[in-house]
Amino acid sequence: MSAARPRLLYVTDLAYEARGRRYGDEDVFLTSRLRARFDLALCHPLDAVALMDAFDAVVVRNSGPVLGYSAEYEAFRERALSAGTRVYNPLTGRADMAGKQYLLDLSAAGFPVIPTVDRPEDLHLLPASDRYVVKPKQGADSIGLRIVTRDALPALADGATLIQPCVDFAHEISFYFVDDDFQYALYAPDPDRRWRLEPYDATARDLEFARRFVDWNGLAHGIQRVDACRAPDGELLLVELEDLNPYLSLDLVDDGTRDAFVTTMARSLHRFLAD
């Protein structure tokens, strides 16, 4: 490190308008607290390549879907990997950071995931349903998501699209981790209001489910959000493993939980810089 206090370039799109979430507010709060322990500057994701050489690490937070600047994001990844730049979360994530292929891989491996296929010859592996979810492999934030009937599937299974049955779930739950440490859980009791979240008291069985995916991803450092739905049989199924820039909904947890999260994140960053 180049200074007594580590220098962090904090990447965020403060102006990004996300449905049901306030990206800018969350990152203003986090950076206001992290400044007590780090020398820190904020930048837009499109400016990261030009600025990152002057910092000890780059922290990618609420930077928005990379679909809107995919070429620039790939340039950032290539530059960071070639220069050995420390990026938090590390660029070795196997989940959303690398696209949606992991849903196919986990489904094929028998993990508790919503059944997922992408090829016509695999459509028979999906359970019967009146409706199916079709979304791009490189999608994010529900961009490009469609609901279709089964007769539409053969023409849509083109290898670039994920196909899943519509699950009549009771609710969605998000589990938030720093490194491999569970922090808190929130859930959406109304399936039609994904971001109307409330605190959730996770059971030991719930956490066993969530940790299985964190362990699979193998990130030694970083923030991850495990999104799951409660299926009709009461079991949880993975919806998404967000390991690139997971929104944290910190405005919906109590002060003690929020303070503990900031402390844990700061310790994680110090360990990451010391590795």
C-alpha atoms as a PDB file:
ATOM      1  CA  MET A   1       0.000   0.000   0.000  1.00  0.00           C
ATOM      2  CA  SER A   2       1.200   3.460  -0.833  1.00  0.00           C
ATOM      3  CA  ALA A   3       0.077   5.304   2.307  1.00  0.00           C
ATOM      4  CA  ALA A   4      -0.571   4.761   6.001  1.00  0.00           C
ATOM      5  CA  ARG A   5      -4.278   4.984   5.240  1.00  0.00           C
ATOM      6  CA  PRO A   6      -5.344   2.873   2.258  1.00  0.00           C
ATOM      7  CA  ARG A   7      -6.586   4.809  -0.767  1.00  0.00           C
ATOM      8  CA  LEU A   8      -9.844   3.486  -2.229  1.00  0.00           C
ATOM      9  CA  LEU A   9     -11.490   4.344  -5.529  1.00  0.00           C
ATOM     10  CA  TYR A  10     -15.190   3.754  -4.881  1.00  0.00           C
ATOM     11  CA  VAL A  11     -17.073   3.088  -8.126  1.00  0.00           C
ATOM     12  CA  THR A  12     -20.760   4.042  -8.154  1.00  0.00           C
ATOM     13  CA  ASP A  13     -23.345   5.582 -10.436  1.00  0.00           C
ATOM     14  CA  LEU A  14     -25.030   7.955  -8.015  1.00  0.00           C
ATOM     15  CA  ALA A  15     -27.562   9.056 -10.629  1.00  0.00           C
ATOM     16  CA  TYR A  16     -28.723   5.594 -11.680  1.00  0.00           C
ATOM     17  CA  GLU A  17     -32.483   5.238 -11.243  1.00  0.00           C
ATOM     18  CA  ALA A  18     -33.286   1.744 -10.011  1.00  0.00           C
ATOM     19  CA  ARG A  19     -36.837   0.598  -9.436  1.00  0.00           C
ATOM     20  CA  GLY A  20     -37.531   0.544  -5.715  1.00  0.00           C
ATOM     21  CA  ARG A  21     -33.940   1.335  -4.723  1.00  0.00           C
ATOM     22  CA  ARG A  22     -31.908   4.464  -4.100  1.00  0.00           C
ATOM     23  CA  TYR A  23     -28.386   3.619  -5.214  1.00  0.00           C
ATOM     24  CA  GLY A  24     -27.026   7.083  -4.599  1.00  0.00           C
ATOM     25  CA  ASP A  25     -28.297   7.332  -1.034  1.00  0.00           C
ATOM     26  CA  GLU A  26     -26.812   3.973  -0.089  1.00  0.00           C
ATOM     27  CA  ASP A  27     -23.359   4.836  -1.423  1.00  0.00           C
ATOM     28  CA  VAL A  28     -23.383   8.315   0.095  1.00  0.00           C
ATOM     29  CA  PHE A  29     -24.045   6.665   3.458  1.00  0.00           C
ATOM     30  CA  LEU A  30     -21.418   3.941   3.053  1.00  0.00           C
ATOM     31  CA  THR A  31     -18.676   6.289   1.886  1.00  0.00           C
ATOM     32  CA  SER A  32     -19.454   8.756   4.658  1.00  0.00           C
ATOM     33  CA  ARG A  33     -18.716   5.995   7.172  1.00  0.00           C
ATOM     34  CA  LEU A  34     -15.777   4.375   5.381  1.00  0.00           C
ATOM     35  CA  ARG A  35     -13.950   7.708   5.219  1.00  0.00           C
ATOM     36  CA  ALA A  36     -13.153   7.284   8.914  1.00  0.00           C
ATOM     37  CA  ARG A  37     -10.790   4.438   7.980  1.00  0.00           C
ATOM     38  CA  PHE A  38      -9.754   5.042   4.372  1.00  0.00           C
ATOM     39  CA  ASP A  39      -8.757   7.844   2.027  1.00  0.00           C
ATOM     40  CA  LEU A  40     -11.572   7.558  -0.450  1.00  0.00           C
ATOM     41  CA  ALA A  41     -12.777   9.045  -3.735  1.00  0.00           C
ATOM     42  CA  LEU A  42     -15.951   8.307  -5.692  1.00  0.00           C
ATOM     43  CA  CYS A  43     -16.113   7.927  -9.454  1.00  0.00           C
ATOM     44  CA  HIS A  44     -18.549   6.880 -12.164  1.00  0.00           C
ATOM     45  CA  PRO A  45     -17.847   3.403 -13.646  1.00  0.00           C
ATOM     46  CA  LEU A  46     -16.878   4.974 -16.974  1.00  0.00           C
ATOM     47  CA  ASP A  47     -14.056   6.877 -15.234  1.00  0.00           C
ATOM     48  CA  ALA A  48     -12.570   3.939 -13.318  1.00  0.00           C
ATOM     49  CA  VAL A  49      -9.887   2.945 -15.858  1.00  0.00           C
ATOM     50  CA  ALA A  50      -8.511   6.477 -16.076  1.00  0.00           C
ATOM     51  CA  LEU A  51      -8.302   6.890 -12.285  1.00  0.00           C
ATOM     52  CA  MET A  52      -7.626   3.520 -10.689  1.00  0.00           C
ATOM     53  CA  ASP A  53      -3.823   3.486 -10.933  1.00  0.00           C
ATOM     54  CA  ALA A  54      -3.631   6.141  -8.212  1.00  0.00           C
ATOM     55  CA  PHE A  55      -5.370   3.961  -5.617  1.00  0.00           C
ATOM     56  CA  ASP A  56      -4.593   0.898  -3.546  1.00  0.00           C
ATOM     57  CA  ALA A  57      -7.858  -0.778  -4.474  1.00  0.00           C
ATOM     58  CA  VAL A  58     -11.030  -0.270  -6.482  1.00  0.00           C
ATOM     59  CA  VAL A  59     -14.336  -0.916  -4.679  1.00  0.00           C
ATOM     60  CA  VAL A  60     -17.169  -1.634  -7.124  1.00  0.00           C
ATOM     61  CA  ARG A  61     -20.477  -0.889  -5.492  1.00  0.00           C
ATOM     62  CA  ASN A  62     -23.795   0.360  -6.942  1.00  0.00           C
ATOM     63  CA  SER A  63     -22.442   0.838 -10.438  1.00  0.00           C
ATOM     64  CA  GLY A  64     -25.637  -0.183 -12.243  1.00  0.00           C
ATOM     65  CA  PRO A  65     -26.100  -2.938 -14.856  1.00  0.00           C
ATOM     66  CA  VAL A  66     -23.003  -3.247 -17.035  1.00  0.00           C
ATOM     67  CA  LEU A  67     -25.169  -3.905 -20.104  1.00  0.00           C
ATOM     68  CA  GLY A  68     -25.206  -0.186 -20.770  1.00  0.00           C
ATOM     69  CA  TYR A  69     -21.414   0.017 -20.935  1.00  0.00           C
ATOM     70  CA  SER A  70     -20.288  -3.559 -21.576  1.00  0.00           C
ATOM     71  CA  ALA A  71     -17.262  -2.619 -23.703  1.00  0.00           C
ATOM     72  CA  GLU A  72     -15.998  -0.197 -21.059  1.00  0.00           C
ATOM     73  CA  TYR A  73     -16.567  -2.763 -18.319  1.00  0.00           C
ATOM     74  CA  GLU A  74     -14.559  -5.383 -20.212  1.00  0.00           C
ATOM     75  CA  ALA A  75     -11.782  -2.808 -20.681  1.00  0.00           C
ATOM     76  CA  PHE A  76     -11.834  -2.184 -16.928  1.00  0.00           C
ATOM     77  CA  ARG A  77     -11.589  -5.899 -16.175  1.00  0.00           C
ATOM     78  CA  GLU A  78      -8.751  -6.432 -18.641  1.00  0.00           C
ATOM     79  CA  ARG A  79      -6.803  -3.443 -17.336  1.00  0.00           C
ATOM     80  CA  ALA A  80      -7.286  -4.446 -13.702  1.00  0.00           C
ATOM     81  CA  LEU A  81      -6.274  -8.062 -14.332  1.00  0.00           C
ATOM     82  CA  SER A  82      -3.219  -7.157 -16.411  1.00  0.00           C
ATOM     83  CA  ALA A  83      -2.036  -4.525 -13.939  1.00  0.00           C
ATOM     84  CA  GLY A  84      -2.756  -6.621 -10.840  1.00  0.00           C
ATOM     85  CA  THR A  85      -5.147  -3.969  -9.522  1.00  0.00           C
ATOM     86  CA  ARG A  86      -6.991  -5.013  -6.395  1.00  0.00           C
ATOM     87  CA  VAL A  87     -10.737  -4.981  -7.128  1.00  0.00           C
ATOM     88  CA  TYR A  88     -13.373  -5.551  -4.437  1.00  0.00           C
ATOM     89  CA  ASN A  89     -15.288  -7.724  -5.110  1.00  0.00           C
ATOM     90  CA  PRO A  90     -12.410  -9.699  -6.669  1.00  0.00           C
ATOM     91  CA  LEU A  91     -12.929 -10.410 -10.365  1.00  0.00           C
ATOM     92  CA  THR A  92     -12.889 -14.176  -9.816  1.00  0.00           C
ATOM     93  CA  GLY A  93     -16.594 -14.428  -8.949  1.00  0.00           C
ATOM     94  CA  ARG A  94     -18.405 -17.320 -10.630  1.00  0.00           C
ATOM     95  CA  ALA A  95     -21.956 -15.972 -10.313  1.00  0.00           C
ATOM     96  CA  ASP A  96     -23.587 -12.821 -11.742  1.00  0.00           C
ATOM     97  CA  MET A  97     -20.162 -11.280 -12.256  1.00  0.00           C
ATOM     98  CA  ALA A  98     -19.636 -13.808 -15.053  1.00  0.00           C
ATOM     99  CA  GLY A  99     -23.175 -13.740 -16.474  1.00  0.00           C
ATOM    100  CA  LYS A 100     -26.030 -16.175 -15.833  1.00  0.00           C
ATOM    101  CA  GLN A 101     -24.327 -19.395 -16.946  1.00  0.00           C
ATOM    102  CA  TYR A 102     -23.979 -20.372 -13.293  1.00  0.00           C
ATOM    103  CA  LEU A 103     -27.753 -20.935 -13.062  1.00  0.00           C
ATOM    104  CA  LEU A 104     -27.465 -23.591 -15.755  1.00  0.00           C
ATOM    105  CA  ASP A 105     -24.411 -25.139 -14.127  1.00  0.00           C
ATOM    106  CA  LEU A 106     -25.963 -25.235 -10.661  1.00  0.00           C
ATOM    107  CA  SER A 107     -29.257 -26.563 -11.986  1.00  0.00           C
ATOM    108  CA  ALA A 108     -27.463 -29.365 -13.874  1.00  0.00           C
ATOM    109  CA  ALA A 109     -25.417 -30.174 -10.759  1.00  0.00           C
ATOM    110  CA  GLY A 110     -28.546 -30.671  -8.655  1.00  0.00           C
ATOM    111  CA  PHE A 111     -28.292 -27.559  -6.482  1.00  0.00           C
ATOM    112  CA  PRO A 112     -31.574 -26.120  -5.140  1.00  0.00           C
ATOM    113  CA  VAL A 113     -32.048 -23.673  -8.011  1.00  0.00           C
ATOM    114  CA  ILE A 114     -35.091 -22.819 -10.092  1.00  0.00           C
ATOM    115  CA  PRO A 115     -34.784 -25.358 -12.965  1.00  0.00           C
ATOM    116  CA  THR A 116     -32.984 -23.625 -15.828  1.00  0.00           C
ATOM    117  CA  VAL A 117     -32.173 -24.609 -19.415  1.00  0.00           C
ATOM    118  CA  ASP A 118     -31.038 -22.832 -22.574  1.00  0.00           C
ATOM    119  CA  ARG A 119     -31.264 -25.443 -25.365  1.00  0.00           C
ATOM    120  CA  PRO A 120     -34.251 -26.984 -27.192  1.00  0.00           C
ATOM    121  CA  GLU A 121     -33.073 -30.519 -26.384  1.00  0.00           C
ATOM    122  CA  ASP A 122     -33.219 -29.739 -22.650  1.00  0.00           C
ATOM    123  CA  LEU A 123     -36.741 -28.311 -22.532  1.00  0.00           C
ATOM    124  CA  HIS A 124     -38.062 -31.675 -21.346  1.00  0.00           C
ATOM    125  CA  LEU A 125     -36.068 -31.208 -18.132  1.00  0.00           C
ATOM    126  CA  LEU A 126     -38.327 -28.325 -17.071  1.00  0.00           C
ATOM    127  CA  PRO A 127     -41.381 -29.108 -14.951  1.00  0.00           C
ATOM    128  CA  ALA A 128     -44.769 -28.515 -16.553  1.00  0.00           C
ATOM    129  CA  SER A 129     -46.025 -24.968 -16.084  1.00  0.00           C
ATOM    130  CA  ASP A 130     -48.630 -22.651 -17.561  1.00  0.00           C
ATOM    131  CA  ARG A 131     -46.000 -19.925 -17.887  1.00  0.00           C
ATOM    132  CA  TYR A 132     -42.246 -19.695 -18.279  1.00  0.00           C
ATOM    133  CA  VAL A 133     -39.694 -16.982 -17.607  1.00  0.00           C
ATOM    134  CA  VAL A 134     -37.359 -16.162 -20.490  1.00  0.00           C
ATOM    135  CA  LYS A 135     -34.396 -13.829 -19.907  1.00  0.00           C
ATOM    136  CA  PRO A 136     -31.030 -13.069 -21.526  1.00  0.00           C
ATOM    137  CA  LYS A 137     -27.947 -14.830 -20.137  1.00  0.00           C
ATOM    138  CA  GLN A 138     -26.231 -11.472 -19.939  1.00  0.00           C
ATOM    139  CA  GLY A 139     -29.263  -9.735 -18.455  1.00  0.00           C
ATOM    140  CA  ALA A 140     -29.565  -7.755 -15.242  1.00  0.00           C
ATOM    141  CA  ASP A 141     -32.216  -5.883 -13.295  1.00  0.00           C
ATOM    142  CA  SER A 142     -35.009  -7.771 -15.166  1.00  0.00           C
ATOM    143  CA  ILE A 143     -33.894  -6.211 -18.472  1.00  0.00           C
ATOM    144  CA  GLY A 144     -35.252  -8.288 -21.346  1.00  0.00           C
ATOM    145  CA  LEU A 145     -37.297 -10.591 -19.100  1.00  0.00           C
ATOM    146  CA  ARG A 146     -40.469 -12.034 -20.655  1.00  0.00           C
ATOM    147  CA  ILE A 147     -43.257 -14.382 -19.575  1.00  0.00           C
ATOM    148  CA  VAL A 148     -44.338 -16.865 -22.274  1.00  0.00           C
ATOM    149  CA  THR A 149     -46.294 -20.084 -22.737  1.00  0.00           C
ATOM    150  CA  ARG A 150     -44.639 -23.450 -23.400  1.00  0.00           C
ATOM    151  CA  ASP A 151     -45.353 -23.470 -27.125  1.00  0.00           C
ATOM    152  CA  ALA A 152     -43.129 -20.410 -27.530  1.00  0.00           C
ATOM    153  CA  LEU A 153     -40.082 -22.061 -25.935  1.00  0.00           C
ATOM    154  CA  PRO A 154     -38.491 -23.984 -28.858  1.00  0.00           C
ATOM    155  CA  ALA A 155     -37.966 -20.776 -30.839  1.00  0.00           C
ATOM    156  CA  LEU A 156     -36.517 -18.983 -27.828  1.00  0.00           C
ATOM    157  CA  ALA A 157     -34.072 -21.662 -26.640  1.00  0.00           C
ATOM    158  CA  ASP A 158     -31.173 -20.282 -28.663  1.00  0.00           C
ATOM    159  CA  GLY A 159     -28.290 -20.731 -26.217  1.00  0.00           C
ATOM    160  CA  ALA A 160     -28.241 -17.029 -25.335  1.00  0.00           C
ATOM    161  CA  THR A 161     -31.461 -17.162 -23.348  1.00  0.00           C
ATOM    162  CA  LEU A 162     -32.345 -18.761 -20.027  1.00  0.00           C
ATOM    163  CA  ILE A 163     -35.678 -20.512 -19.644  1.00  0.00           C
ATOM    164  CA  GLN A 164     -37.286 -21.288 -16.285  1.00  0.00           C
ATOM    165  CA  PRO A 165     -40.761 -22.252 -15.107  1.00  0.00           C
ATOM    166  CA  CYS A 166     -42.748 -19.548 -13.356  1.00  0.00           C
ATOM    167  CA  VAL A 167     -42.628 -20.574  -9.696  1.00  0.00           C
ATOM    168  CA  ASP A 168     -45.709 -19.761  -7.620  1.00  0.00           C
ATOM    169  CA  PHE A 169     -43.592 -18.775  -4.631  1.00  0.00           C
ATOM    170  CA  ALA A 170     -44.750 -17.440  -1.269  1.00  0.00           C
ATOM    171  CA  HIS A 171     -42.047 -14.780  -0.952  1.00  0.00           C
ATOM    172  CA  GLU A 172     -38.482 -13.861  -1.864  1.00  0.00           C
ATOM    173  CA  ILE A 173     -35.652 -13.665   0.667  1.00  0.00           C
ATOM    174  CA  SER A 174     -32.257 -12.001   0.326  1.00  0.00           C
ATOM    175  CA  PHE A 175     -29.304 -13.061   2.483  1.00  0.00           C
ATOM    176  CA  TYR A 176     -26.396 -10.617   2.750  1.00  0.00           C
ATOM    177  CA  PHE A 177     -22.822 -11.747   3.364  1.00  0.00           C
ATOM    178  CA  VAL A 178     -19.453 -10.021   3.790  1.00  0.00           C
ATOM    179  CA  ASP A 179     -16.703 -12.509   2.969  1.00  0.00           C
ATOM    180  CA  ASP A 180     -18.308 -15.683   4.346  1.00  0.00           C
ATOM    181  CA  ASP A 181     -19.932 -13.936   7.323  1.00  0.00           C
ATOM    182  CA  PHE A 182     -23.733 -13.659   7.305  1.00  0.00           C
ATOM    183  CA  GLN A 183     -24.910 -10.130   8.120  1.00  0.00           C
ATOM    184  CA  TYR A 184     -28.722  -9.959   7.848  1.00  0.00           C
ATOM    185  CA  ALA A 185     -31.681 -11.088   5.769  1.00  0.00           C
ATOM    186  CA  LEU A 186     -34.623  -9.235   4.257  1.00  0.00           C
ATOM    187  CA  TYR A 187     -37.710 -10.590   2.568  1.00  0.00           C
ATOM    188  CA  ALA A 188     -40.517  -9.404   0.309  1.00  0.00           C
ATOM    189  CA  PRO A 189     -43.786 -10.777   1.750  1.00  0.00           C
ATOM    190  CA  ASP A 190     -45.679  -9.652  -1.370  1.00  0.00           C
ATOM    191  CA  PRO A 191     -44.335 -11.516  -4.453  1.00  0.00           C
ATOM    192  CA  ASP A 192     -45.483  -8.656  -6.690  1.00  0.00           C
ATOM    193  CA  ARG A 193     -43.379  -6.086  -4.816  1.00  0.00           C
ATOM    194  CA  ARG A 194     -39.804  -7.342  -4.996  1.00  0.00           C
ATOM    195  CA  TRP A 195     -38.214  -4.320  -3.339  1.00  0.00           C
ATOM    196  CA  ARG A 196     -40.824  -3.792  -0.593  1.00  0.00           C
ATOM    197  CA  LEU A 197     -38.570  -5.550   1.889  1.00  0.00           C
ATOM    198  CA  GLU A 198     -38.829  -6.250   5.601  1.00  0.00           C
ATOM    199  CA  PRO A 199     -36.382  -7.743   8.128  1.00  0.00           C
ATOM    200  CA  TYR A 200     -36.368 -11.533   8.128  1.00  0.00           C
ATOM    201  CA  ASP A 201     -35.286 -13.815  10.969  1.00  0.00           C
ATOM    202  CA  ALA A 202     -33.329 -16.463   9.086  1.00  0.00           C
ATOM    203  CA  THR A 203     -33.423 -19.996  10.467  1.00  0.00           C
ATOM    204  CA  ALA A 204     -30.443 -22.310  10.683  1.00  0.00           C
ATOM    205  CA  ARG A 205     -31.863 -24.217   7.695  1.00  0.00           C
ATOM    206  CA  ASP A 206     -32.195 -20.991   5.705  1.00  0.00           C
ATOM    207  CA  LEU A 207     -28.585 -20.066   6.402  1.00  0.00           C
ATOM    208  CA  GLU A 208     -27.376 -23.548   5.490  1.00  0.00           C
ATOM    209  CA  PHE A 209     -29.061 -23.042   2.122  1.00  0.00           C
ATOM    210  CA  ALA A 210     -27.525 -19.597   1.571  1.00  0.00           C
ATOM    211  CA  ARG A 211     -24.034 -20.586   2.699  1.00  0.00           C
ATOM    212  CA  ARG A 212     -23.995 -23.435   0.210  1.00  0.00           C
ATOM    213  CA  PHE A 213     -23.909 -20.908  -2.630  1.00  0.00           C
ATOM    214  CA  VAL A 214     -21.429 -18.572  -0.940  1.00  0.00           C
ATOM    215  CA  ASP A 215     -19.116 -21.549  -0.426  1.00  0.00           C
ATOM    216  CA  TRP A 216     -19.571 -22.606  -4.055  1.00  0.00           C
ATOM    217  CA  ASN A 217     -18.598 -19.159  -5.303  1.00  0.00           C
ATOM    218  CA  GLY A 218     -15.315 -19.272  -3.395  1.00  0.00           C
ATOM    219  CA  LEU A 219     -14.745 -15.526  -2.952  1.00  0.00           C
ATOM    220  CA  ALA A 220     -12.366 -15.011  -0.037  1.00  0.00           C
ATOM    221  CA  HIS A 221     -13.309 -11.329   0.162  1.00  0.00           C
ATOM    222  CA  GLY A 222     -16.286  -9.244  -0.835  1.00  0.00           C
ATOM    223  CA  ILE A 223     -20.012  -8.664  -0.516  1.00  0.00           C
ATOM    224  CA  GLN A 224     -22.556 -11.156  -1.832  1.00  0.00           C
ATOM    225  CA  ARG A 225     -26.350 -11.306  -1.853  1.00  0.00           C
ATOM    226  CA  VAL A 226     -28.099 -14.651  -2.133  1.00  0.00           C
ATOM    227  CA  ASP A 227     -31.628 -14.201  -3.501  1.00  0.00           C
ATOM    228  CA  ALA A 228     -34.056 -17.078  -3.016  1.00  0.00           C
ATOM    229  CA  CYS A 229     -37.761 -17.814  -3.298  1.00  0.00           C
ATOM    230  CA  ARG A 230     -39.906 -19.964  -1.028  1.00  0.00           C
ATOM    231  CA  ALA A 231     -41.389 -22.668  -3.258  1.00  0.00           C
ATOM    232  CA  PRO A 232     -44.871 -24.125  -2.693  1.00  0.00           C
ATOM    233  CA  ASP A 233     -43.354 -27.101  -0.826  1.00  0.00           C
ATOM    234  CA  GLY A 234     -41.712 -24.720   1.653  1.00  0.00           C
ATOM    235  CA  GLU A 235     -38.171 -25.228   0.387  1.00  0.00           C
ATOM    236  CA  LEU A 236     -35.934 -22.425  -0.840  1.00  0.00           C
ATOM    237  CA  LEU A 237     -34.736 -22.172  -4.440  1.00  0.00           C
ATOM    238  CA  LEU A 238     -31.963 -19.899  -5.658  1.00  0.00           C
ATOM    239  CA  VAL A 239     -33.106 -17.014  -7.844  1.00  0.00           C
ATOM    240  CA  GLU A 240     -29.787 -15.168  -8.145  1.00  0.00           C
ATOM    241  CA  LEU A 241     -26.326 -15.008  -6.599  1.00  0.00           C
ATOM    242  CA  GLU A 242     -25.233 -11.395  -6.897  1.00  0.00           C
ATOM    243  CA  ASP A 243     -21.459 -11.036  -6.554  1.00  0.00           C
ATOM    244  CA  LEU A 244     -20.707  -8.003  -8.715  1.00  0.00           C
ATOM    245  CA  ASN A 245     -22.469  -4.992  -7.206  1.00  0.00           C
ATOM    246  CA  PRO A 246     -25.300  -6.185  -4.945  1.00  0.00           C
ATOM    247  CA  TYR A 247     -27.618  -3.499  -3.631  1.00  0.00           C
ATOM    248  CA  LEU A 248     -27.749  -3.845   0.151  1.00  0.00           C
ATOM    249  CA  SER A 249     -31.021  -2.136   1.205  1.00  0.00           C
ATOM    250  CA  LEU A 250     -29.201  -0.724   4.231  1.00  0.00           C
ATOM    251  CA  ASP A 251     -31.959   1.838   4.744  1.00  0.00           C
ATOM    252  CA  LEU A 252     -34.294  -1.000   5.738  1.00  0.00           C
ATOM    253  CA  VAL A 253     -32.250  -2.446   8.622  1.00  0.00           C
ATOM    254  CA  ASP A 254     -31.917  -1.056  12.147  1.00  0.00           C
ATOM    255  CA  ASP A 255     -29.048   1.164  13.236  1.00  0.00           C
ATOM    256  CA  GLY A 256     -27.213  -1.641  15.019  1.00  0.00           C
ATOM    257  CA  THR A 257     -27.301  -3.918  11.992  1.00  0.00           C
ATOM    258  CA  ARG A 258     -26.211  -1.085   9.709  1.00  0.00           C
ATOM    259  CA  ASP A 259     -23.313  -0.144  12.009  1.00  0.00           C
ATOM    260  CA  ALA A 260     -22.220  -3.774  12.250  1.00  0.00           C
ATOM    261  CA  PHE A 261     -22.276  -4.098   8.462  1.00  0.00           C
ATOM    262  CA  VAL A 262     -20.053  -1.050   7.978  1.00  0.00           C
ATOM    263  CA  THR A 263     -17.591  -2.325  10.604  1.00  0.00           C
ATOM    264  CA  THR A 264     -17.475  -5.770   8.995  1.00  0.00           C
ATOM    265  CA  MET A 265     -17.035  -4.322   5.499  1.00  0.00           C
ATOM    266  CA  ALA A 266     -14.167  -2.104   6.690  1.00  0.00           C
ATOM    267  CA  ARG A 267     -12.424  -5.070   8.332  1.00  0.00           C
ATOM    268  CA  SER A 268     -12.931  -7.110   5.171  1.00  0.00           C
ATOM    269  CA  LEU A 269     -11.335  -4.355   3.077  1.00  0.00           C
ATOM    270  CA  HIS A 270      -8.329  -4.176   5.419  1.00  0.00           C
ATOM    271  CA  ARG A 271      -7.873  -7.971   5.197  1.00  0.00           C
ATOM    272  CA  PHE A 272      -8.237  -7.796   1.430  1.00  0.00           C
ATOM    273  CA  LEU A 273      -5.536  -5.129   1.182  1.00  0.00           C
ATOM    274  CA  ALA A 274      -3.227  -7.073   3.480  1.00  0.00           C
ATOM    275  CA  ASP A 275      -3.458 -10.326   1.479  1.00  0.00           C
END
